[in-house]
Amino acid sequence: MKPAAPIALYFDAAKETGGDAPLDAFSPDATVRDEGKTHVGHAAIEAWWRAAHEAYGHTAEPCEIRDEDGRTVVRARVEGQFPGSPALLTFTFGLRDARISTLEIGA
């Protein structure tokens, strides 16, 4: 299964360490939940992206993509400077108007 364009844009950006946040993929009021924190809107998402990449120097490569209850679930191999690297993480995307409206990242 091929991911929707904004999800593909997200993972294209996640293949690099230190790259820019893929803000064009997100709606202006998008919500990201990661590591127990919630980030809302482009400014917060950009700050989250930069902080995570600086802390972990990680990349993410999709391994499996499926639709589940109207959302796109991607299992991705995440590799970086953190205990247990590489790890398989789950990225659950909600889309609205051809952009990511919600993203939840977990184990």
PDB file of N, CA and C in Angstrom:
ATOM      1  N   MET A   1       0.835  -1.175   0.000  1.00  0.00           N
ATOM      2  CA  MET A   1       0.000   0.000   0.000  1.00  0.00           C
ATOM      3  C   MET A   1       0.886   1.247   0.000  1.00  0.00           C
ATOM      4  N   LYS A   2       0.562   2.190  -0.817  1.00  0.00           N
ATOM      5  CA  LYS A   2       1.306   3.439  -0.915  1.00  0.00           C
ATOM      6  C   LYS A   2       0.638   4.471  -0.003  1.00  0.00           C
ATOM      7  N   PRO A   3       1.438   5.199   0.803  1.00  0.00           N
ATOM      8  CA  PRO A   3       0.830   6.180   1.711  1.00  0.00           C
ATOM      9  C   PRO A   3       0.304   7.402   0.966  1.00  0.00           C
ATOM     10  N   ALA A   4      -0.673   8.075   1.569  1.00  0.00           N
ATOM     11  CA  ALA A   4      -1.170   9.333   1.018  1.00  0.00           C
ATOM     12  C   ALA A   4      -0.021  10.341   0.944  1.00  0.00           C
ATOM     13  N   ALA A   5      -0.145  11.308   0.068  1.00  0.00           N
ATOM     14  CA  ALA A   5       0.931  12.269  -0.186  1.00  0.00           C
ATOM     15  C   ALA A   5       1.473  12.950   1.080  1.00  0.00           C
ATOM     16  N   PRO A   6       0.640  13.429   2.004  1.00  0.00           N
ATOM     17  CA  PRO A   6       1.226  14.089   3.171  1.00  0.00           C
ATOM     18  C   PRO A   6       2.005  13.129   4.073  1.00  0.00           C
ATOM     19  N   ILE A   7       1.587  11.880   4.125  1.00  0.00           N
ATOM     20  CA  ILE A   7       2.317  10.885   4.924  1.00  0.00           C
ATOM     21  C   ILE A   7       3.646  10.552   4.254  1.00  0.00           C
ATOM     22  N   ALA A   8       3.634  10.441   2.943  1.00  0.00           N
ATOM     23  CA  ALA A   8       4.882  10.212   2.200  1.00  0.00           C
ATOM     24  C   ALA A   8       5.835  11.384   2.416  1.00  0.00           C
ATOM     25  N   LEU A   9       5.325  12.607   2.406  1.00  0.00           N
ATOM     26  CA  LEU A   9       6.153  13.789   2.646  1.00  0.00           C
ATOM     27  C   LEU A   9       6.759  13.744   4.045  1.00  0.00           C
ATOM     28  N   TYR A  10       5.965  13.338   5.030  1.00  0.00           N
ATOM     29  CA  TYR A  10       6.455  13.218   6.405  1.00  0.00           C
ATOM     30  C   TYR A  10       7.639  12.245   6.464  1.00  0.00           C
ATOM     31  N   PHE A  11       7.469  11.055   5.900  1.00  0.00           N
ATOM     32  CA  PHE A  11       8.538  10.060   5.979  1.00  0.00           C
ATOM     33  C   PHE A  11       9.723  10.391   5.076  1.00  0.00           C
ATOM     34  N   ASP A  12       9.504  11.119   3.988  1.00  0.00           N
ATOM     35  CA  ASP A  12      10.642  11.585   3.188  1.00  0.00           C
ATOM     36  C   ASP A  12      11.514  12.512   4.032  1.00  0.00           C
ATOM     37  N   ALA A  13      10.886  13.398   4.791  1.00  0.00           N
ATOM     38  CA  ALA A  13      11.634  14.313   5.665  1.00  0.00           C
ATOM     39  C   ALA A  13      12.303  13.557   6.810  1.00  0.00           C
ATOM     40  N   ALA A  14      11.666  12.477   7.271  1.00  0.00           N
ATOM     41  CA  ALA A  14      12.191  11.704   8.409  1.00  0.00           C
ATOM     42  C   ALA A  14      13.342  10.782   8.022  1.00  0.00           C
ATOM     43  N   LYS A  15      13.649  10.691   6.742  1.00  0.00           N
ATOM     44  CA  LYS A  15      14.775   9.865   6.303  1.00  0.00           C
ATOM     45  C   LYS A  15      16.106  10.556   6.552  1.00  0.00           C
ATOM     46  N   GLU A  16      16.059  11.857   6.845  1.00  0.00           N
ATOM     47  CA  GLU A  16      17.279  12.636   7.064  1.00  0.00           C
ATOM     48  C   GLU A  16      17.364  13.054   8.524  1.00  0.00           C
ATOM     49  N   THR A  17      18.558  13.143   9.035  1.00  0.00           N
ATOM     50  CA  THR A  17      18.733  13.757  10.346  1.00  0.00           C
ATOM     51  C   THR A  17      19.024  15.233  10.108  1.00  0.00           C
ATOM     52  N   GLY A  18      18.410  16.086  10.892  1.00  0.00           N
ATOM     53  CA  GLY A  18      18.659  17.516  10.781  1.00  0.00           C
ATOM     54  C   GLY A  18      17.908  18.215   9.680  1.00  0.00           C
ATOM     55  N   GLY A  19      16.985  17.530   9.012  1.00  0.00           N
ATOM     56  CA  GLY A  19      16.205  18.174   7.961  1.00  0.00           C
ATOM     57  C   GLY A  19      15.084  19.024   8.541  1.00  0.00           C
ATOM     58  N   ASP A  20      14.492  19.836   7.699  1.00  0.00           N
ATOM     59  CA  ASP A  20      13.397  20.694   8.116  1.00  0.00           C
ATOM     60  C   ASP A  20      12.140  19.884   8.392  1.00  0.00           C
ATOM     61  N   ALA A  21      11.321  20.404   9.302  1.00  0.00           N
ATOM     62  CA  ALA A  21      10.024  19.787   9.585  1.00  0.00           C
ATOM     63  C   ALA A  21       9.146  19.890   8.343  1.00  0.00           C
ATOM     64  N   PRO A  22       8.415  18.840   8.019  1.00  0.00           N
ATOM     65  CA  PRO A  22       7.563  18.845   6.824  1.00  0.00           C
ATOM     66  C   PRO A  22       6.229  19.557   7.102  1.00  0.00           C
ATOM     67  N   LEU A  23       6.284  20.847   7.393  1.00  0.00           N
ATOM     68  CA  LEU A  23       5.078  21.563   7.810  1.00  0.00           C
ATOM     69  C   LEU A  23       4.000  21.598   6.741  1.00  0.00           C
ATOM     70  N   ASP A  24       4.378  21.527   5.464  1.00  0.00           N
ATOM     71  CA  ASP A  24       3.377  21.502   4.391  1.00  0.00           C
ATOM     72  C   ASP A  24       2.491  20.270   4.470  1.00  0.00           C
ATOM     73  N   ALA A  25       2.960  19.230   5.144  1.00  0.00           N
ATOM     74  CA  ALA A  25       2.171  18.008   5.273  1.00  0.00           C
ATOM     75  C   ALA A  25       1.076  18.137   6.330  1.00  0.00           C
ATOM     76  N   PHE A  26       1.214  19.109   7.242  1.00  0.00           N
ATOM     77  CA  PHE A  26       0.303  19.253   8.372  1.00  0.00           C
ATOM     78  C   PHE A  26      -0.694  20.388   8.163  1.00  0.00           C
ATOM     79  N   SER A  27      -1.921  20.188   8.627  1.00  0.00           N
ATOM     80  CA  SER A  27      -2.887  21.281   8.648  1.00  0.00           C
ATOM     81  C   SER A  27      -2.414  22.306   9.679  1.00  0.00           C
ATOM     82  N   PRO A  28      -2.820  23.576   9.553  1.00  0.00           N
ATOM     83  CA  PRO A  28      -2.351  24.607  10.492  1.00  0.00           C
ATOM     84  C   PRO A  28      -2.671  24.308  11.962  1.00  0.00           C
ATOM     85  N   ASP A  29      -3.764  23.582  12.215  1.00  0.00           N
ATOM     86  CA  ASP A  29      -4.168  23.275  13.592  1.00  0.00           C
ATOM     87  C   ASP A  29      -3.901  21.815  13.965  1.00  0.00           C
ATOM     88  N   ALA A  30      -2.968  21.183  13.270  1.00  0.00           N
ATOM     89  CA  ALA A  30      -2.675  19.759  13.505  1.00  0.00           C
ATOM     90  C   ALA A  30      -2.188  19.525  14.933  1.00  0.00           C
ATOM     91  N   THR A  31      -2.390  18.281  15.373  1.00  0.00           N
ATOM     92  CA  THR A  31      -1.979  17.855  16.702  1.00  0.00           C
ATOM     93  C   THR A  31      -1.041  16.665  16.574  1.00  0.00           C
ATOM     94  N   VAL A  32       0.100  16.728  17.278  1.00  0.00           N
ATOM     95  CA  VAL A  32       1.046  15.606  17.341  1.00  0.00           C
ATOM     96  C   VAL A  32       1.156  15.180  18.801  1.00  0.00           C
ATOM     97  N   ARG A  33       0.993  13.877  19.051  1.00  0.00           N
ATOM     98  CA  ARG A  33       1.188  13.314  20.390  1.00  0.00           C
ATOM     99  C   ARG A  33       2.378  12.363  20.329  1.00  0.00           C
ATOM    100  N   ASP A  34       3.378  12.658  21.151  1.00  0.00           N
ATOM    101  CA  ASP A  34       4.603  11.868  21.160  1.00  0.00           C
ATOM    102  C   ASP A  34       5.239  11.978  22.538  1.00  0.00           C
ATOM    103  N   GLU A  35       5.694  10.863  23.064  1.00  0.00           N
ATOM    104  CA  GLU A  35       6.384  10.818  24.359  1.00  0.00           C
ATOM    105  C   GLU A  35       5.588  11.494  25.477  1.00  0.00           C
ATOM    106  N   GLY A  36       4.273  11.297  25.457  1.00  0.00           N
ATOM    107  CA  GLY A  36       3.418  11.821  26.510  1.00  0.00           C
ATOM    108  C   GLY A  36       3.120  13.306  26.414  1.00  0.00           C
ATOM    109  N   LYS A  37       3.514  13.954  25.337  1.00  0.00           N
ATOM    110  CA  LYS A  37       3.271  15.384  25.167  1.00  0.00           C
ATOM    111  C   LYS A  37       2.458  15.627  23.910  1.00  0.00           C
ATOM    112  N   THR A  38       1.701  16.723  23.922  1.00  0.00           N
ATOM    113  CA  THR A  38       0.880  17.112  22.783  1.00  0.00           C
ATOM    114  C   THR A  38       1.384  18.438  22.237  1.00  0.00           C
ATOM    115  N   HIS A  39       1.513  18.496  20.915  1.00  0.00           N
ATOM    116  CA  HIS A  39       2.020  19.678  20.221  1.00  0.00           C
ATOM    117  C   HIS A  39       0.956  20.089  19.203  1.00  0.00           C
ATOM    118  N   VAL A  40       0.495  21.339  19.276  1.00  0.00           N
ATOM    119  CA  VAL A  40      -0.605  21.799  18.425  1.00  0.00           C
ATOM    120  C   VAL A  40      -0.157  22.986  17.579  1.00  0.00           C
ATOM    121  N   GLY A  41      -0.389  22.890  16.275  1.00  0.00           N
ATOM    122  CA  GLY A  41      -0.080  23.980  15.355  1.00  0.00           C
ATOM    123  C   GLY A  41       1.330  23.905  14.805  1.00  0.00           C
ATOM    124  N   HIS A  42       1.547  24.631  13.726  1.00  0.00           N
ATOM    125  CA  HIS A  42       2.820  24.560  13.011  1.00  0.00           C
ATOM    126  C   HIS A  42       4.016  24.947  13.867  1.00  0.00           C
ATOM    127  N   ALA A  43       3.919  26.005  14.655  1.00  0.00           N
ATOM    128  CA  ALA A  43       5.075  26.438  15.457  1.00  0.00           C
ATOM    129  C   ALA A  43       5.465  25.361  16.472  1.00  0.00           C
ATOM    130  N   ALA A  44       4.479  24.787  17.138  1.00  0.00           N
ATOM    131  CA  ALA A  44       4.754  23.743  18.132  1.00  0.00           C
ATOM    132  C   ALA A  44       5.277  22.475  17.468  1.00  0.00           C
ATOM    133  N   ILE A  45       4.733  22.132  16.312  1.00  0.00           N
ATOM    134  CA  ILE A  45       5.184  20.931  15.606  1.00  0.00           C
ATOM    135  C   ILE A  45       6.612  21.120  15.104  1.00  0.00           C
ATOM    136  N   GLU A  46       6.933  22.297  14.610  1.00  0.00           N
ATOM    137  CA  GLU A  46       8.307  22.556  14.168  1.00  0.00           C
ATOM    138  C   GLU A  46       9.282  22.472  15.348  1.00  0.00           C
ATOM    139  N   ALA A  47       8.900  23.034  16.495  1.00  0.00           N
ATOM    140  CA  ALA A  47       9.762  22.977  17.687  1.00  0.00           C
ATOM    141  C   ALA A  47       9.944  21.529  18.148  1.00  0.00           C
ATOM    142  N   TRP A  48       8.863  20.743  18.138  1.00  0.00           N
ATOM    143  CA  TRP A  48       8.940  19.314  18.507  1.00  0.00           C
ATOM    144  C   TRP A  48       9.875  18.573  17.559  1.00  0.00           C
ATOM    145  N   TRP A  49       9.709  18.774  16.262  1.00  0.00           N
ATOM    146  CA  TRP A  49      10.525  18.104  15.245  1.00  0.00           C
ATOM    147  C   TRP A  49      12.008  18.388  15.466  1.00  0.00           C
ATOM    148  N   ARG A  50      12.341  19.665  15.618  1.00  0.00           N
ATOM    149  CA  ARG A  50      13.746  20.060  15.792  1.00  0.00           C
ATOM    150  C   ARG A  50      14.321  19.490  17.088  1.00  0.00           C
ATOM    151  N   ALA A  51      13.570  19.582  18.172  1.00  0.00           N
ATOM    152  CA  ALA A  51      14.058  19.083  19.468  1.00  0.00           C
ATOM    153  C   ALA A  51      14.279  17.573  19.419  1.00  0.00           C
ATOM    154  N   ALA A  52      13.353  16.848  18.814  1.00  0.00           N
ATOM    155  CA  ALA A  52      13.488  15.390  18.731  1.00  0.00           C
ATOM    156  C   ALA A  52      14.690  15.002  17.878  1.00  0.00           C
ATOM    157  N   HIS A  53      14.877  15.673  16.759  1.00  0.00           N
ATOM    158  CA  HIS A  53      16.001  15.335  15.895  1.00  0.00           C
ATOM    159  C   HIS A  53      17.341  15.721  16.517  1.00  0.00           C
ATOM    160  N   GLU A  54      17.358  16.811  17.256  1.00  0.00           N
ATOM    161  CA  GLU A  54      18.593  17.189  17.952  1.00  0.00           C
ATOM    162  C   GLU A  54      18.918  16.196  19.069  1.00  0.00           C
ATOM    163  N   ALA A  55      17.896  15.768  19.798  1.00  0.00           N
ATOM    164  CA  ALA A  55      18.109  14.861  20.931  1.00  0.00           C
ATOM    165  C   ALA A  55      18.481  13.453  20.487  1.00  0.00           C
ATOM    166  N   TYR A  56      17.816  12.957  19.430  1.00  0.00           N
ATOM    167  CA  TYR A  56      17.964  11.551  19.057  1.00  0.00           C
ATOM    168  C   TYR A  56      18.704  11.313  17.747  1.00  0.00           C
ATOM    169  N   GLY A  57      18.851  12.344  16.913  1.00  0.00           N
ATOM    170  CA  GLY A  57      19.517  12.164  15.627  1.00  0.00           C
ATOM    171  C   GLY A  57      18.950  10.987  14.852  1.00  0.00           C
ATOM    172  N   HIS A  58      17.649  10.862  14.842  1.00  0.00           N
ATOM    173  CA  HIS A  58      17.012   9.655  14.319  1.00  0.00           C
ATOM    174  C   HIS A  58      16.489   9.807  12.890  1.00  0.00           C
ATOM    175  N   THR A  59      16.269   8.661  12.291  1.00  0.00           N
ATOM    176  CA  THR A  59      15.602   8.554  11.000  1.00  0.00           C
ATOM    177  C   THR A  59      14.467   7.556  11.154  1.00  0.00           C
ATOM    178  N   ALA A  60      13.502   7.617  10.244  1.00  0.00           N
ATOM    179  CA  ALA A  60      12.371   6.688  10.287  1.00  0.00           C
ATOM    180  C   ALA A  60      12.066   6.199   8.880  1.00  0.00           C
ATOM    181  N   GLU A  61      11.903   4.900   8.751  1.00  0.00           N
ATOM    182  CA  GLU A  61      11.641   4.264   7.455  1.00  0.00           C
ATOM    183  C   GLU A  61      10.410   3.376   7.582  1.00  0.00           C
ATOM    184  N   PRO A  62       9.344   3.656   6.823  1.00  0.00           N
ATOM    185  CA  PRO A  62       8.125   2.840   6.913  1.00  0.00           C
ATOM    186  C   PRO A  62       8.375   1.384   6.516  1.00  0.00           C
ATOM    187  N   CYS A  63       7.771   0.478   7.277  1.00  0.00           N
ATOM    188  CA  CYS A  63       7.872  -0.953   6.990  1.00  0.00           C
ATOM    189  C   CYS A  63       6.510  -1.543   6.603  1.00  0.00           C
ATOM    190  N   GLU A  64       5.458  -1.015   7.190  1.00  0.00           N
ATOM    191  CA  GLU A  64       4.113  -1.554   6.988  1.00  0.00           C
ATOM    192  C   GLU A  64       3.120  -0.407   7.066  1.00  0.00           C
ATOM    193  N   ILE A  65       2.147  -0.394   6.147  1.00  0.00           N
ATOM    194  CA  ILE A  65       1.123   0.652   6.115  1.00  0.00           C
ATOM    195  C   ILE A  65      -0.237  -0.019   5.981  1.00  0.00           C
ATOM    196  N   ARG A  66      -1.184   0.441   6.820  1.00  0.00           N
ATOM    197  CA  ARG A  66      -2.540  -0.107   6.722  1.00  0.00           C
ATOM    198  C   ARG A  66      -3.555   0.956   7.128  1.00  0.00           C
ATOM    199  N   ASP A  67      -4.768   0.802   6.646  1.00  0.00           N
ATOM    200  CA  ASP A  67      -5.871   1.653   7.072  1.00  0.00           C
ATOM    201  C   ASP A  67      -6.580   0.978   8.222  1.00  0.00           C
ATOM    202  N   GLU A  68      -6.943   1.777   9.229  1.00  0.00           N
ATOM    203  CA  GLU A  68      -7.617   1.236  10.404  1.00  0.00           C
ATOM    204  C   GLU A  68      -8.575   2.295  10.940  1.00  0.00           C
ATOM    205  N   ASP A  69      -9.869   2.023  10.843  1.00  0.00           N
ATOM    206  CA  ASP A  69     -10.889   2.928  11.365  1.00  0.00           C
ATOM    207  C   ASP A  69     -10.743   4.351  10.827  1.00  0.00           C
ATOM    208  N   GLY A  70     -10.485   4.479   9.540  1.00  0.00           N
ATOM    209  CA  GLY A  70     -10.392   5.787   8.917  1.00  0.00           C
ATOM    210  C   GLY A  70      -9.071   6.508   9.134  1.00  0.00           C
ATOM    211  N   ARG A  71      -8.129   5.857   9.754  1.00  0.00           N
ATOM    212  CA  ARG A  71      -6.807   6.450   9.976  1.00  0.00           C
ATOM    213  C   ARG A  71      -5.765   5.562   9.305  1.00  0.00           C
ATOM    214  N   THR A  72      -4.608   6.128   9.042  1.00  0.00           N
ATOM    215  CA  THR A  72      -3.512   5.376   8.433  1.00  0.00           C
ATOM    216  C   THR A  72      -2.499   5.040   9.512  1.00  0.00           C
ATOM    217  N   VAL A  73      -2.229   3.741   9.663  1.00  0.00           N
ATOM    218  CA  VAL A  73      -1.287   3.266  10.673  1.00  0.00           C
ATOM    219  C   VAL A  73      -0.029   2.795   9.957  1.00  0.00           C
ATOM    220  N   VAL A  74       1.109   3.352  10.360  1.00  0.00           N
ATOM    221  CA  VAL A  74       2.389   3.018   9.748  1.00  0.00           C
ATOM    222  C   VAL A  74       3.318   2.485  10.837  1.00  0.00           C
ATOM    223  N   ARG A  75       3.841   1.290  10.618  1.00  0.00           N
ATOM    224  CA  ARG A  75       4.914   0.767  11.470  1.00  0.00           C
ATOM    225  C   ARG A  75       6.205   1.147  10.779  1.00  0.00           C
ATOM    226  N   ALA A  76       7.087   1.805  11.526  1.00  0.00           N
ATOM    227  CA  ALA A  76       8.322   2.293  10.921  1.00  0.00           C
ATOM    228  C   ALA A  76       9.524   1.913  11.775  1.00  0.00           C
ATOM    229  N   ARG A  77      10.626   1.659  11.100  1.00  0.00           N
ATOM    230  CA  ARG A  77      11.898   1.376  11.769  1.00  0.00           C
ATOM    231  C   ARG A  77      12.558   2.706  12.065  1.00  0.00           C
ATOM    232  N   VAL A  78      12.713   3.000  13.356  1.00  0.00           N
ATOM    233  CA  VAL A  78      13.307   4.260  13.792  1.00  0.00           C
ATOM    234  C   VAL A  78      14.680   3.944  14.361  1.00  0.00           C
ATOM    235  N   GLU A  79      15.683   4.628  13.827  1.00  0.00           N
ATOM    236  CA  GLU A  79      17.060   4.387  14.236  1.00  0.00           C
ATOM    237  C   GLU A  79      17.692   5.709  14.637  1.00  0.00           C
ATOM    238  N   GLY A  80      18.376   5.716  15.768  1.00  0.00           N
ATOM    239  CA  GLY A  80      19.015   6.944  16.220  1.00  0.00           C
ATOM    240  C   GLY A  80      19.791   6.724  17.494  1.00  0.00           C
ATOM    241  N   GLN A  81      20.012   7.794  18.221  1.00  0.00           N
ATOM    242  CA  GLN A  81      20.791   7.765  19.442  1.00  0.00           C
ATOM    243  C   GLN A  81      19.856   7.680  20.649  1.00  0.00           C
ATOM    244  N   PHE A  82      19.275   6.500  20.851  1.00  0.00           N
ATOM    245  CA  PHE A  82      18.410   6.261  21.988  1.00  0.00           C
ATOM    246  C   PHE A  82      18.494   4.781  22.354  1.00  0.00           C
ATOM    247  N   PRO A  83      18.245   4.442  23.623  1.00  0.00           N
ATOM    248  CA  PRO A  83      18.302   3.030  24.039  1.00  0.00           C
ATOM    249  C   PRO A  83      17.311   2.193  23.237  1.00  0.00           C
ATOM    250  N   GLY A  84      17.747   1.022  22.810  1.00  0.00           N
ATOM    251  CA  GLY A  84      16.879   0.118  22.048  1.00  0.00           C
ATOM    252  C   GLY A  84      16.853   0.388  20.559  1.00  0.00           C
ATOM    253  N   SER A  85      17.677   1.305  20.093  1.00  0.00           N
ATOM    254  CA  SER A  85      17.716   1.603  18.663  1.00  0.00           C
ATOM    255  C   SER A  85      18.366   0.442  17.911  1.00  0.00           C
ATOM    256  N   PRO A  86      17.833   0.070  16.773  1.00  0.00           N
ATOM    257  CA  PRO A  86      16.616   0.569  16.148  1.00  0.00           C
ATOM    258  C   PRO A  86      15.363  -0.023  16.814  1.00  0.00           C
ATOM    259  N   ALA A  87      14.261   0.684  16.638  1.00  0.00           N
ATOM    260  CA  ALA A  87      12.992   0.242  17.221  1.00  0.00           C
ATOM    261  C   ALA A  87      11.887   0.355  16.179  1.00  0.00           C
ATOM    262  N   LEU A  88      10.895  -0.510  16.302  1.00  0.00           N
ATOM    263  CA  LEU A  88       9.699  -0.394  15.470  1.00  0.00           C
ATOM    264  C   LEU A  88       8.678   0.426  16.253  1.00  0.00           C
ATOM    265  N   LEU A  89       8.273   1.553  15.674  1.00  0.00           N
ATOM    266  CA  LEU A  89       7.285   2.415  16.303  1.00  0.00           C
ATOM    267  C   LEU A  89       6.052   2.506  15.422  1.00  0.00           C
ATOM    268  N   THR A  90       4.937   2.842  16.037  1.00  0.00           N
ATOM    269  CA  THR A  90       3.672   2.987  15.326  1.00  0.00           C
ATOM    270  C   THR A  90       3.336   4.461  15.192  1.00  0.00           C
ATOM    271  N   PHE A  91       3.081   4.881  13.970  1.00  0.00           N
ATOM    272  CA  PHE A  91       2.682   6.243  13.649  1.00  0.00           C
ATOM    273  C   PHE A  91       1.238   6.171  13.150  1.00  0.00           C
ATOM    274  N   THR A  92       0.323   6.787  13.857  1.00  0.00           N
ATOM    275  CA  THR A  92      -1.085   6.757  13.474  1.00  0.00           C
ATOM    276  C   THR A  92      -1.490   8.149  13.004  1.00  0.00           C
ATOM    277  N   PHE A  93      -1.849   8.244  11.731  1.00  0.00           N
ATOM    278  CA  PHE A  93      -2.158   9.520  11.092  1.00  0.00           C
ATOM    279  C   PHE A  93      -3.656   9.667  10.854  1.00  0.00           C
ATOM    280  N   GLY A  94      -4.163  10.846  11.159  1.00  0.00           N
ATOM    281  CA  GLY A  94      -5.500  11.246  10.736  1.00  0.00           C
ATOM    282  C   GLY A  94      -5.326  12.313   9.672  1.00  0.00           C
ATOM    283  N   LEU A  95      -6.092  12.217   8.602  1.00  0.00           N
ATOM    284  CA  LEU A  95      -5.985  13.175   7.506  1.00  0.00           C
ATOM    285  C   LEU A  95      -7.275  13.978   7.377  1.00  0.00           C
ATOM    286  N   ARG A  96      -7.114  15.255   7.006  1.00  0.00           N
ATOM    287  CA  ARG A  96      -8.260  16.119   6.719  1.00  0.00           C
ATOM    288  C   ARG A  96      -7.826  17.094   5.637  1.00  0.00           C
ATOM    289  N   ASP A  97      -8.617  17.210   4.598  1.00  0.00           N
ATOM    290  CA  ASP A  97      -8.323  18.137   3.500  1.00  0.00           C
ATOM    291  C   ASP A  97      -6.914  17.935   2.948  1.00  0.00           C
ATOM    292  N   ALA A  98      -6.529  16.683   2.742  1.00  0.00           N
ATOM    293  CA  ALA A  98      -5.253  16.303   2.128  1.00  0.00           C
ATOM    294  C   ALA A  98      -4.046  16.741   2.938  1.00  0.00           C
ATOM    295  N   ARG A  99      -4.215  16.870   4.276  1.00  0.00           N
ATOM    296  CA  ARG A  99      -3.097  17.167   5.165  1.00  0.00           C
ATOM    297  C   ARG A  99      -3.230  16.347   6.434  1.00  0.00           C
ATOM    298  N   ILE A 100      -2.137  16.200   7.153  1.00  0.00           N
ATOM    299  CA  ILE A 100      -2.154  15.487   8.426  1.00  0.00           C
ATOM    300  C   ILE A 100      -2.824  16.392   9.467  1.00  0.00           C
ATOM    301  N   SER A 101      -3.886  15.884  10.081  1.00  0.00           N
ATOM    302  CA  SER A 101      -4.569  16.646  11.132  1.00  0.00           C
ATOM    303  C   SER A 101      -4.194  16.125  12.510  1.00  0.00           C
ATOM    304  N   THR A 102      -3.899  14.822  12.600  1.00  0.00           N
ATOM    305  CA  THR A 102      -3.450  14.233  13.856  1.00  0.00           C
ATOM    306  C   THR A 102      -2.351  13.220  13.577  1.00  0.00           C
ATOM    307  N   LEU A 103      -1.421  13.145  14.513  1.00  0.00           N
ATOM    308  CA  LEU A 103      -0.359  12.142  14.461  1.00  0.00           C
ATOM    309  C   LEU A 103      -0.096  11.691  15.884  1.00  0.00           C
ATOM    310  N   GLU A 104      -0.176  10.382  16.110  1.00  0.00           N
ATOM    311  CA  GLU A 104       0.173   9.803  17.397  1.00  0.00           C
ATOM    312  C   GLU A 104       1.305   8.811  17.162  1.00  0.00           C
ATOM    313  N   ILE A 105       2.369   8.934  17.970  1.00  0.00           N
ATOM    314  CA  ILE A 105       3.533   8.065  17.837  1.00  0.00           C
ATOM    315  C   ILE A 105       3.674   7.254  19.110  1.00  0.00           C
ATOM    316  N   GLY A 106       3.810   5.946  18.969  1.00  0.00           N
ATOM    317  CA  GLY A 106       3.962   5.074  20.138  1.00  0.00           C
ATOM    318  C   GLY A 106       4.633   3.773  19.768  1.00  0.00           C
ATOM    319  N   ALA A 107       4.758   2.919  20.761  1.00  0.00           N
ATOM    320  CA  ALA A 107       5.414   1.621  20.574  1.00  0.00           C
ATOM    321  C   ALA A 107       4.539   0.660  19.782  1.00  0.00           C
TER     322      ALA A 107
END
